[in-house]
C-alpha atoms as a PDB file:
ATOM      1  CA  MET A   1      17.072  34.857 -13.129  1.00  0.00           C
ATOM      2  CA  ASN A   2      15.158  35.399 -16.122  1.00  0.00           C
ATOM      3  CA  LYS A   3      11.483  35.422 -16.626  1.00  0.00           C
ATOM      4  CA  ARG A   4      11.270  32.030 -18.375  1.00  0.00           C
ATOM      5  CA  PHE A   5      13.655  30.206 -16.018  1.00  0.00           C
ATOM      6  CA  PHE A   6      11.453  31.800 -13.111  1.00  0.00           C
ATOM      7  CA  ARG A   7       8.248  30.510 -14.632  1.00  0.00           C
ATOM      8  CA  SER A   8       9.544  26.912 -15.167  1.00  0.00           C
ATOM      9  CA  MET A   9      10.670  27.049 -11.475  1.00  0.00           C
ATOM     10  CA  VAL A  10       7.240  28.103 -10.562  1.00  0.00           C
ATOM     11  CA  ALA A  11       5.836  25.339 -12.601  1.00  0.00           C
ATOM     12  CA  VAL A  12       8.088  22.710 -10.811  1.00  0.00           C
ATOM     13  CA  ALA A  13       7.342  23.559  -7.428  1.00  0.00           C
ATOM     14  CA  ALA A  14       3.521  23.420  -8.054  1.00  0.00           C
ATOM     15  CA  LEU A  15       4.231  19.943  -9.492  1.00  0.00           C
ATOM     16  CA  ALA A  16       6.065  19.076  -6.486  1.00  0.00           C
ATOM     17  CA  ALA A  17       3.131  20.276  -4.479  1.00  0.00           C
ATOM     18  CA  ALA A  18       0.521  18.469  -6.264  1.00  0.00           C
ATOM     19  CA  VAL A  19       2.600  15.219  -6.223  1.00  0.00           C
ATOM     20  CA  ALA A  20       3.289  15.521  -2.751  1.00  0.00           C
ATOM     21  CA  GLY A  21      -0.105  16.303  -1.610  1.00  0.00           C
ATOM     22  CA  THR A  22      -1.315  12.953  -3.480  1.00  0.00           C
ATOM     23  CA  ALA A  23       1.654  10.853  -2.212  1.00  0.00           C
ATOM     24  CA  SER A  24       1.363  11.785   1.430  1.00  0.00           C
ATOM     25  CA  ALA A  25      -2.526  11.056   1.492  1.00  0.00           C
ATOM     26  CA  ASP A  26      -3.491   8.054   3.762  1.00  0.00           C
ATOM     27  CA  VAL A  27      -4.863   5.111   2.001  1.00  0.00           C
ATOM     28  CA  ILE A  28      -7.815   3.613   3.523  1.00  0.00           C
ATOM     29  CA  TRP A  29      -8.510  -0.174   2.809  1.00  0.00           C
ATOM     30  CA  ASN A  30     -11.805  -1.628   3.580  1.00  0.00           C
ATOM     31  CA  PHE A  31     -11.930  -4.987   3.599  1.00  0.00           C
ATOM     32  CA  GLY A  32     -15.772  -5.432   3.631  1.00  0.00           C
ATOM     33  CA  SER A  33     -15.796  -3.291   0.118  1.00  0.00           C
ATOM     34  CA  LEU A  34     -12.397  -4.461  -1.937  1.00  0.00           C
ATOM     35  CA  ALA A  35     -13.335  -7.962  -2.681  1.00  0.00           C
ATOM     36  CA  THR A  36     -16.302 -10.309  -3.800  1.00  0.00           C
ATOM     37  CA  ALA A  37     -18.518 -10.461  -0.478  1.00  0.00           C
ATOM     38  CA  ASN A  38     -18.682 -13.492   1.394  1.00  0.00           C
ATOM     39  CA  THR A  39     -15.914 -15.680  -0.839  1.00  0.00           C
ATOM     40  CA  SER A  40     -12.709 -17.320  -0.292  1.00  0.00           C
ATOM     41  CA  LEU A  41      -9.875 -15.680  -1.490  1.00  0.00           C
ATOM     42  CA  GLY A  42      -7.447 -18.287  -1.229  1.00  0.00           C
ATOM     43  CA  ASP A  43      -4.407 -18.283   1.295  1.00  0.00           C
ATOM     44  CA  ASN A  44      -2.973 -15.022  -0.298  1.00  0.00           C
ATOM     45  CA  TYR A  45      -4.628 -12.355  -2.006  1.00  0.00           C
ATOM     46  CA  THR A  46      -3.390  -8.656  -3.197  1.00  0.00           C
ATOM     47  CA  PHE A  47      -5.469  -5.738  -2.668  1.00  0.00           C
ATOM     48  CA  ASN A  48      -5.152  -2.641  -5.172  1.00  0.00           C
ATOM     49  CA  GLN A  49      -6.246   1.073  -4.952  1.00  0.00           C
ATOM     50  CA  GLY A  50      -4.364   2.903  -7.815  1.00  0.00           C
ATOM     51  CA  SER A  51      -0.565   2.541  -7.667  1.00  0.00           C
ATOM     52  CA  ASN A  52      -1.240   1.102  -4.149  1.00  0.00           C
ATOM     53  CA  TRP A  53      -1.318  -2.616  -3.157  1.00  0.00           C
ATOM     54  CA  LEU A  54      -1.653  -4.265   0.049  1.00  0.00           C
ATOM     55  CA  TYR A  55      -0.710  -8.117   0.347  1.00  0.00           C
ATOM     56  CA  ALA A  56      -2.699 -10.315   2.490  1.00  0.00           C
ATOM     57  CA  ALA A  57      -1.519 -13.836   3.610  1.00  0.00           C
ATOM     58  CA  ALA A  58      -3.189 -16.586   6.070  1.00  0.00           C
ATOM     59  CA  VAL A  59      -0.601 -17.481   8.345  1.00  0.00           C
ATOM     60  CA  ILE A  60      -0.183 -19.958  11.307  1.00  0.00           C
ATOM     61  CA  GLN A  61       1.491 -19.832  14.526  1.00  0.00           C
ATOM     62  CA  PRO A  62       3.950 -20.066  16.070  1.00  0.00           C
ATOM     63  CA  ALA A  63       6.362 -19.893  13.082  1.00  0.00           C
ATOM     64  CA  TRP A  64       3.946 -17.789  10.867  1.00  0.00           C
ATOM     65  CA  THR A  65       4.432 -19.881   7.942  1.00  0.00           C
ATOM     66  CA  ASN A  66       2.410 -19.406   5.084  1.00  0.00           C
ATOM     67  CA  SER A  67      -0.654 -21.307   4.681  1.00  0.00           C
ATOM     68  CA  SER A  68      -0.621 -24.182   1.641  1.00  0.00           C
ATOM     69  CA  GLY A  69      -4.088 -22.897   0.206  1.00  0.00           C
ATOM     70  CA  SER A  70      -5.736 -26.051   0.851  1.00  0.00           C
ATOM     71  CA  CYS A  71      -8.221 -24.302   2.903  1.00  0.00           C
ATOM     72  CA  THR A  72      -8.636 -26.830   5.467  1.00  0.00           C
ATOM     73  CA  ALA A  73      -8.993 -26.201   9.474  1.00  0.00           C
ATOM     74  CA  ALA A  74      -5.122 -26.340   9.886  1.00  0.00           C
ATOM     75  CA  THR A  75      -4.244 -24.274   6.817  1.00  0.00           C
ATOM     76  CA  PRO A  76      -7.199 -21.549   6.486  1.00  0.00           C
ATOM     77  CA  CYS A  77      -7.751 -19.336   3.310  1.00  0.00           C
ATOM     78  CA  LEU A  78      -8.622 -15.601   3.319  1.00  0.00           C
ATOM     79  CA  TYR A  79     -12.339 -15.103   3.331  1.00  0.00           C
ATOM     80  CA  ASN A  80     -14.246 -11.596   2.631  1.00  0.00           C
ATOM     81  CA  LYS A  81     -17.148 -11.852   5.015  1.00  0.00           C
ATOM     82  CA  VAL A  82     -19.609  -9.206   4.915  1.00  0.00           C
ATOM     83  CA  LEU A  83     -22.978  -8.495   7.072  1.00  0.00           C
ATOM     84  CA  LEU A  84     -25.273  -6.078   5.764  1.00  0.00           C
ATOM     85  CA  ASN A  85     -26.729  -5.101   9.080  1.00  0.00           C
ATOM     86  CA  ASP A  86     -23.526  -5.256  11.412  1.00  0.00           C
ATOM     87  CA  SER A  87     -20.626  -3.504  10.046  1.00  0.00           C
ATOM     88  CA  THR A  88     -18.459  -4.463  12.933  1.00  0.00           C
ATOM     89  CA  GLU A  89     -18.876  -8.063  11.966  1.00  0.00           C
ATOM     90  CA  THR A  90     -17.487  -7.262   8.379  1.00  0.00           C
ATOM     91  CA  GLY A  91     -14.037  -7.723   6.888  1.00  0.00           C
ATOM     92  CA  LEU A  92     -11.097  -9.862   6.269  1.00  0.00           C
ATOM     93  CA  GLY A  93     -11.318 -13.296   7.864  1.00  0.00           C
ATOM     94  CA  LEU A  94     -10.144 -17.078   7.618  1.00  0.00           C
ATOM     95  CA  THR A  95     -12.386 -19.917   6.301  1.00  0.00           C
ATOM     96  CA  PRO A  96     -13.432 -22.771   7.279  1.00  0.00           C
ATOM     97  CA  ASN A  97     -12.890 -21.519  10.655  1.00  0.00           C
ATOM     98  CA  VAL A  98     -15.359 -20.581  13.369  1.00  0.00           C
ATOM     99  CA  ASN A  99     -17.606 -17.833  11.625  1.00  0.00           C
ATOM    100  CA  ASN A 100     -15.110 -17.386   9.016  1.00  0.00           C
ATOM    101  CA  GLU A 101     -13.075 -15.118  11.146  1.00  0.00           C
ATOM    102  CA  ILE A 102      -9.777 -15.178  12.298  1.00  0.00           C
ATOM    103  CA  PHE A 103      -9.163 -17.904  15.320  1.00  0.00           C
ATOM    104  CA  ASN A 104      -6.438 -19.114  17.383  1.00  0.00           C
ATOM    105  CA  PRO A 105      -3.630 -20.523  16.162  1.00  0.00           C
ATOM    106  CA  ASP A 106      -4.093 -18.749  12.968  1.00  0.00           C
ATOM    107  CA  GLY A 107      -3.772 -15.242  11.782  1.00  0.00           C
ATOM    108  CA  ILE A 108      -3.512 -12.719   8.904  1.00  0.00           C
ATOM    109  CA  ALA A 109      -0.229 -11.062   7.733  1.00  0.00           C
ATOM    110  CA  LEU A 110      -0.610  -7.831   5.547  1.00  0.00           C
ATOM    111  CA  THR A 111       2.456  -6.372   3.919  1.00  0.00           C
ATOM    112  CA  ALA A 112       2.109  -2.775   2.160  1.00  0.00           C
ATOM    113  CA  SER A 113       3.333  -1.559  -1.188  1.00  0.00           C
ATOM    114  CA  PRO A 114       7.017  -0.450  -1.497  1.00  0.00           C
ATOM    115  CA  GLY A 115       7.302   3.149  -0.193  1.00  0.00           C
ATOM    116  CA  SER A 116       4.472   3.032   2.294  1.00  0.00           C
ATOM    117  CA  HIS A 117       3.713   1.252   5.510  1.00  0.00           C
ATOM    118  CA  ILE A 118       0.698   0.221   7.495  1.00  0.00           C
ATOM    119  CA  SER A 119      -0.119   2.879  10.204  1.00  0.00           C
ATOM    120  CA  SER A 120      -3.166   1.741  11.748  1.00  0.00           C
ATOM    121  CA  LEU A 121      -5.582  -1.441  11.683  1.00  0.00           C
ATOM    122  CA  THR A 122      -9.109  -1.778  12.502  1.00  0.00           C
ATOM    123  CA  ILE A 123     -10.487  -5.174  14.279  1.00  0.00           C
ATOM    124  CA  GLY A 124     -13.901  -6.063  14.704  1.00  0.00           C
ATOM    125  CA  SER A 125     -16.162  -8.516  15.799  1.00  0.00           C
ATOM    126  CA  ILE A 126     -14.526  -8.661  19.306  1.00  0.00           C
ATOM    127  CA  GLN A 127     -16.630  -9.814  21.879  1.00  0.00           C
ATOM    128  CA  MET A 128     -16.552  -9.636  25.584  1.00  0.00           C
ATOM    129  CA  GLY A 129     -13.493 -11.055  26.746  1.00  0.00           C
ATOM    130  CA  GLU A 130     -11.903 -12.307  23.467  1.00  0.00           C
ATOM    131  CA  SER A 131      -8.559 -11.691  23.053  1.00  0.00           C
ATOM    132  CA  TRP A 132      -6.468  -9.824  20.091  1.00  0.00           C
ATOM    133  CA  ALA A 133      -2.890  -9.094  19.288  1.00  0.00           C
ATOM    134  CA  VAL A 134      -1.020  -7.363  16.594  1.00  0.00           C
ATOM    135  CA  ALA A 135       2.857  -8.266  15.797  1.00  0.00           C
ATOM    136  CA  GLY A 136       5.198  -6.530  13.495  1.00  0.00           C
ATOM    137  CA  CYS A 137       7.206  -8.986  11.643  1.00  0.00           C
ATOM    138  CA  SER A 138      10.254  -8.962   8.823  1.00  0.00           C
ATOM    139  CA  SER A 139       8.791 -11.036   5.750  1.00  0.00           C
ATOM    140  CA  THR A 140      10.854 -13.808   4.231  1.00  0.00           C
ATOM    141  CA  SER A 141      10.521 -16.084   1.240  1.00  0.00           C
ATOM    142  CA  THR A 142       9.089 -19.138   3.675  1.00  0.00           C
ATOM    143  CA  GLY A 143       7.167 -16.851   6.210  1.00  0.00           C
ATOM    144  CA  TYR A 144       7.331 -14.152   8.646  1.00  0.00           C
ATOM    145  CA  GLY A 145      10.004 -13.871  11.354  1.00  0.00           C
ATOM    146  CA  GLY A 146      11.601 -11.505  13.828  1.00  0.00           C
ATOM    147  CA  CYS A 147       8.083 -10.509  14.956  1.00  0.00           C
ATOM    148  CA  THR A 148       7.443  -8.410  17.999  1.00  0.00           C
ATOM    149  CA  VAL A 149       3.909  -7.860  19.551  1.00  0.00           C
ATOM    150  CA  LEU A 150       3.031  -4.191  19.287  1.00  0.00           C
ATOM    151  CA  ASP A 151      -0.537  -4.332  20.769  1.00  0.00           C
ATOM    152  CA  SER A 152      -2.831  -6.575  22.358  1.00  0.00           C
ATOM    153  CA  GLY A 153      -5.806  -6.786  24.656  1.00  0.00           C
ATOM    154  CA  VAL A 154      -9.234  -8.392  25.534  1.00  0.00           C
ATOM    155  CA  GLY A 155     -12.371  -6.997  24.322  1.00  0.00           C
ATOM    156  CA  ALA A 156     -14.840  -5.218  26.884  1.00  0.00           C
ATOM    157  CA  SER A 157     -17.648  -4.871  24.503  1.00  0.00           C
ATOM    158  CA  GLY A 158     -19.377  -6.282  21.237  1.00  0.00           C
ATOM    159  CA  ALA A 159     -17.602  -3.894  18.974  1.00  0.00           C
ATOM    160  CA  SER A 160     -14.507  -2.753  17.090  1.00  0.00           C
ATOM    161  CA  LEU A 161     -11.306  -1.241  17.689  1.00  0.00           C
ATOM    162  CA  THR A 162      -8.502   0.776  15.942  1.00  0.00           C
ATOM    163  CA  VAL A 163      -4.557   0.194  16.574  1.00  0.00           C
ATOM    164  CA  SER A 164      -2.996   3.228  15.612  1.00  0.00           C
ATOM    165  CA  GLY A 165       0.655   4.773  15.414  1.00  0.00           C
ATOM    166  CA  LEU A 166       2.179   1.604  14.310  1.00  0.00           C
ATOM    167  CA  ALA A 167       6.021   1.419  13.634  1.00  0.00           C
ATOM    168  CA  PRO A 168       7.393   0.581  10.484  1.00  0.00           C
ATOM    169  CA  TYR A 169       7.775  -3.065   9.723  1.00  0.00           C
ATOM    170  CA  SER A 170       7.951  -5.109   6.654  1.00  0.00           C
ATOM    171  CA  SER A 171       4.369  -7.022   7.757  1.00  0.00           C
ATOM    172  CA  TYR A 172       2.155  -6.915  10.504  1.00  0.00           C
ATOM    173  CA  VAL A 173       0.275 -10.152  11.626  1.00  0.00           C
ATOM    174  CA  VAL A 174      -3.294  -9.927  13.079  1.00  0.00           C
ATOM    175  CA  TYR A 175      -4.231 -12.793  15.136  1.00  0.00           C
ATOM    176  CA  VAL A 176      -5.950 -14.360  18.085  1.00  0.00           C
ATOM    177  CA  PRO A 177      -3.309 -15.100  21.061  1.00  0.00           C
ATOM    178  CA  CYS A 178      -5.877 -17.232  23.148  1.00  0.00           C
ATOM    179  CA  ALA A 179      -7.953 -20.495  21.872  1.00  0.00           C
ATOM    180  CA  ASN A 180     -10.788 -19.713  24.399  1.00  0.00           C
ATOM    181  CA  HIS A 181     -11.667 -17.783  27.800  1.00  0.00           C
ATOM    182  CA  THR A 182      -9.710 -20.050  30.015  1.00  0.00           C
ATOM    183  CA  THR A 183      -6.285 -19.376  28.414  1.00  0.00           C
ATOM    184  CA  CYS A 184      -6.979 -15.525  28.629  1.00  0.00           C
ATOM    185  CA  GLN A 185      -6.870 -15.203  32.122  1.00  0.00           C
ATOM    186  CA  THR A 186      -3.409 -14.021  32.244  1.00  0.00           C
ATOM    187  CA  MET A 187      -4.628 -10.909  30.382  1.00  0.00           C
ATOM    188  CA  THR A 188      -5.730  -7.877  32.417  1.00  0.00           C
ATOM    189  CA  ASN A 189      -9.479  -7.989  31.638  1.00  0.00           C
ATOM    190  CA  THR A 190     -11.300 -10.124  34.090  1.00  0.00           C
ATOM    191  CA  ALA A 191     -14.497  -9.738  31.988  1.00  0.00           C
ATOM    192  CA  TYR A 192     -14.572 -13.404  30.302  1.00  0.00           C
ATOM    193  CA  THR A 193     -17.231 -15.184  28.206  1.00  0.00           C
ATOM    194  CA  ASN A 194     -17.579 -18.937  27.632  1.00  0.00           C
ATOM    195  CA  SER A 195     -17.125 -18.362  23.846  1.00  0.00           C
ATOM    196  CA  ASP A 196     -14.051 -19.019  21.643  1.00  0.00           C
ATOM    197  CA  ASN A 197     -12.308 -16.360  20.448  1.00  0.00           C
ATOM    198  CA  ASN A 198     -12.561 -14.964  16.614  1.00  0.00           C
ATOM    199  CA  LEU A 199     -12.464 -11.757  14.942  1.00  0.00           C
ATOM    200  CA  VAL A 200     -12.318 -10.038  11.691  1.00  0.00           C
ATOM    201  CA  LEU A 201      -9.722  -7.095  10.059  1.00  0.00           C
ATOM    202  CA  MET A 202     -12.362  -4.462   8.733  1.00  0.00           C
ATOM    203  CA  SER A 203      -9.707  -2.085   7.516  1.00  0.00           C
ATOM    204  CA  ALA A 204      -5.975  -0.845   7.247  1.00  0.00           C
ATOM    205  CA  THR A 205      -4.432   2.504   6.716  1.00  0.00           C
ATOM    206  CA  THR A 206      -1.204   2.935   5.110  1.00  0.00           C
ATOM    207  CA  VAL A 207       1.024   6.115   4.534  1.00  0.00           C
ATOM    208  CA  PRO A 208       3.883   6.852   2.537  1.00  0.00           C
ATOM    209  CA  GLU A 209       7.437   6.296   3.978  1.00  0.00           C
ATOM    210  CA  PRO A 210       9.421   9.659   4.398  1.00  0.00           C
ATOM    211  CA  GLY A 211      12.054   8.274   2.279  1.00  0.00           C
ATOM    212  CA  ALA A 212       9.926   7.886  -0.669  1.00  0.00           C
ATOM    213  CA  LEU A 213       8.747  11.569  -0.325  1.00  0.00           C
ATOM    214  CA  ALA A 214      12.430  12.634  -0.230  1.00  0.00           C
ATOM    215  CA  LEU A 215      13.588  10.787  -3.433  1.00  0.00           C
ATOM    216  CA  MET A 216      10.499  12.322  -5.051  1.00  0.00           C
ATOM    217  CA  ALA A 217      11.794  15.658  -3.968  1.00  0.00           C
ATOM    218  CA  VAL A 218      15.218  14.872  -5.321  1.00  0.00           C
ATOM    219  CA  GLY A 219      14.102  14.088  -8.580  1.00  0.00           C
ATOM    220  CA  LEU A 220      12.004  17.088  -8.805  1.00  0.00           C
ATOM    221  CA  PHE A 221      15.123  19.174  -7.829  1.00  0.00           C
ATOM    222  CA  GLY A 222      16.811  17.687 -11.042  1.00  0.00           C
ATOM    223  CA  LEU A 223      13.845  18.304 -13.078  1.00  0.00           C
ATOM    224  CA  GLY A 224      14.229  21.967 -12.199  1.00  0.00           C
ATOM    225  CA  TRP A 225      18.249  22.044 -12.613  1.00  0.00           C
ATOM    226  CA  THR A 226      17.802  20.265 -16.265  1.00  0.00           C
ATOM    227  CA  ILE A 227      15.335  23.075 -17.287  1.00  0.00           C
ATOM    228  CA  ARG A 228      17.501  25.874 -15.910  1.00  0.00           C
ATOM    229  CA  ARG A 229      20.547  24.568 -17.731  1.00  0.00           C
ATOM    230  CA  ARG A 230      18.732  24.326 -20.923  1.00  0.00           C
ATOM    231  CA  ARG A 231      17.465  27.526 -20.621  1.00  0.00           C
ATOM    232  CA  GLN A 232      21.204  28.919 -20.162  1.00  0.00           C
ATOM    233  CA  SER A 233      22.435  26.831 -23.331  1.00  0.00           C
END
């Protein structure tokens, strides 16, 4: 192996390490800061960070159909809620529902850009006895189907929680499975309140798919092979 080819391969390896390091970094989506505060975003909105994007859509149970965008109680629109003095009350919600937050039977569906998936979600404004749930779904042209409940529970205190280790799905739906405390009696937590359930989607974390990193590695290997062929000719 001649020195010039060796130096070329070292350069390719360094580039691969740099790109892989960038691609493998988790992307944190803070819904309290990525859009104009305290405004309606329509029934769907695409958040962008560099080359990454996250598509959010207001959906309605039980079929998880997309909202029409008319911003009524039956078909809510996404709302960017921001409370400066309480970060747990800040995030992506729905309007004109209770406190501009997610409220039964509505939800918010999130879809990550190709080559990545959502690994964790942070939910806020969970008061004592309020229910929450996260489902993994497949995306279709008409809505979200094939959904599986990945995690659910009832809040024990007014705070936030993070659902992590989510399996790769096309989309994830965050929703409130119980309309009020009386319908939550089947849940495991026995501490209930007399208030309606509503919450906000504070943040999400996306990670690159292993397949995307493998494809990048193949491309870089091809680049190195091409350089070698040129050096030999």
